[in-house]
Amino acid sequence: MEKRHQILVVDDSKETVERLKSHLSNNYMVHTASNGLDALTLFEQNRNGLDLVITDMVMPEIGGVALISMIKSNSPTTPVIAMTGWGQHPSALASEAKADTILNKPFEMVELDRSISKLLSSKRS
């Protein structure tokens, strides 16, 4: 039996976290955090088990840019999807922080599914 990929979803919007968790739980083991600080703690505890991180850019405690930078400095091969609803500027910051994919909110779940599939398959190769 193939192991289920583990994904960490980080967003300060409880509604967004629940929507993503509900959608992704059919195919993945989903961990959640409501801010960057909690996400970093979860990431450190599960570093070898997490296959992908999906994070909002604007959050309390530690924002998305800092979170992505810390994840990439500790684990450069962990793919990160940045979600933003703030136009071009956060997209540039997400790119600078080395996010692998940037999704502008609102996005379709099929777009998220495609991004996850692409990043996880490129991580295997």
Foldseek 3Di string as FASTA:
>chain_A
DDDFAEEEEEALDPVVQVVVCVVCVVGHHYHYDNFLVVVVVVCVVCVVRHQEYEYEQDHPPDGPLVSLLVNCVVPVLRAYEYEYQPPDPSVVSCVVSPHPHYHYPPDDVVVVVVVVVVSNVVSVD
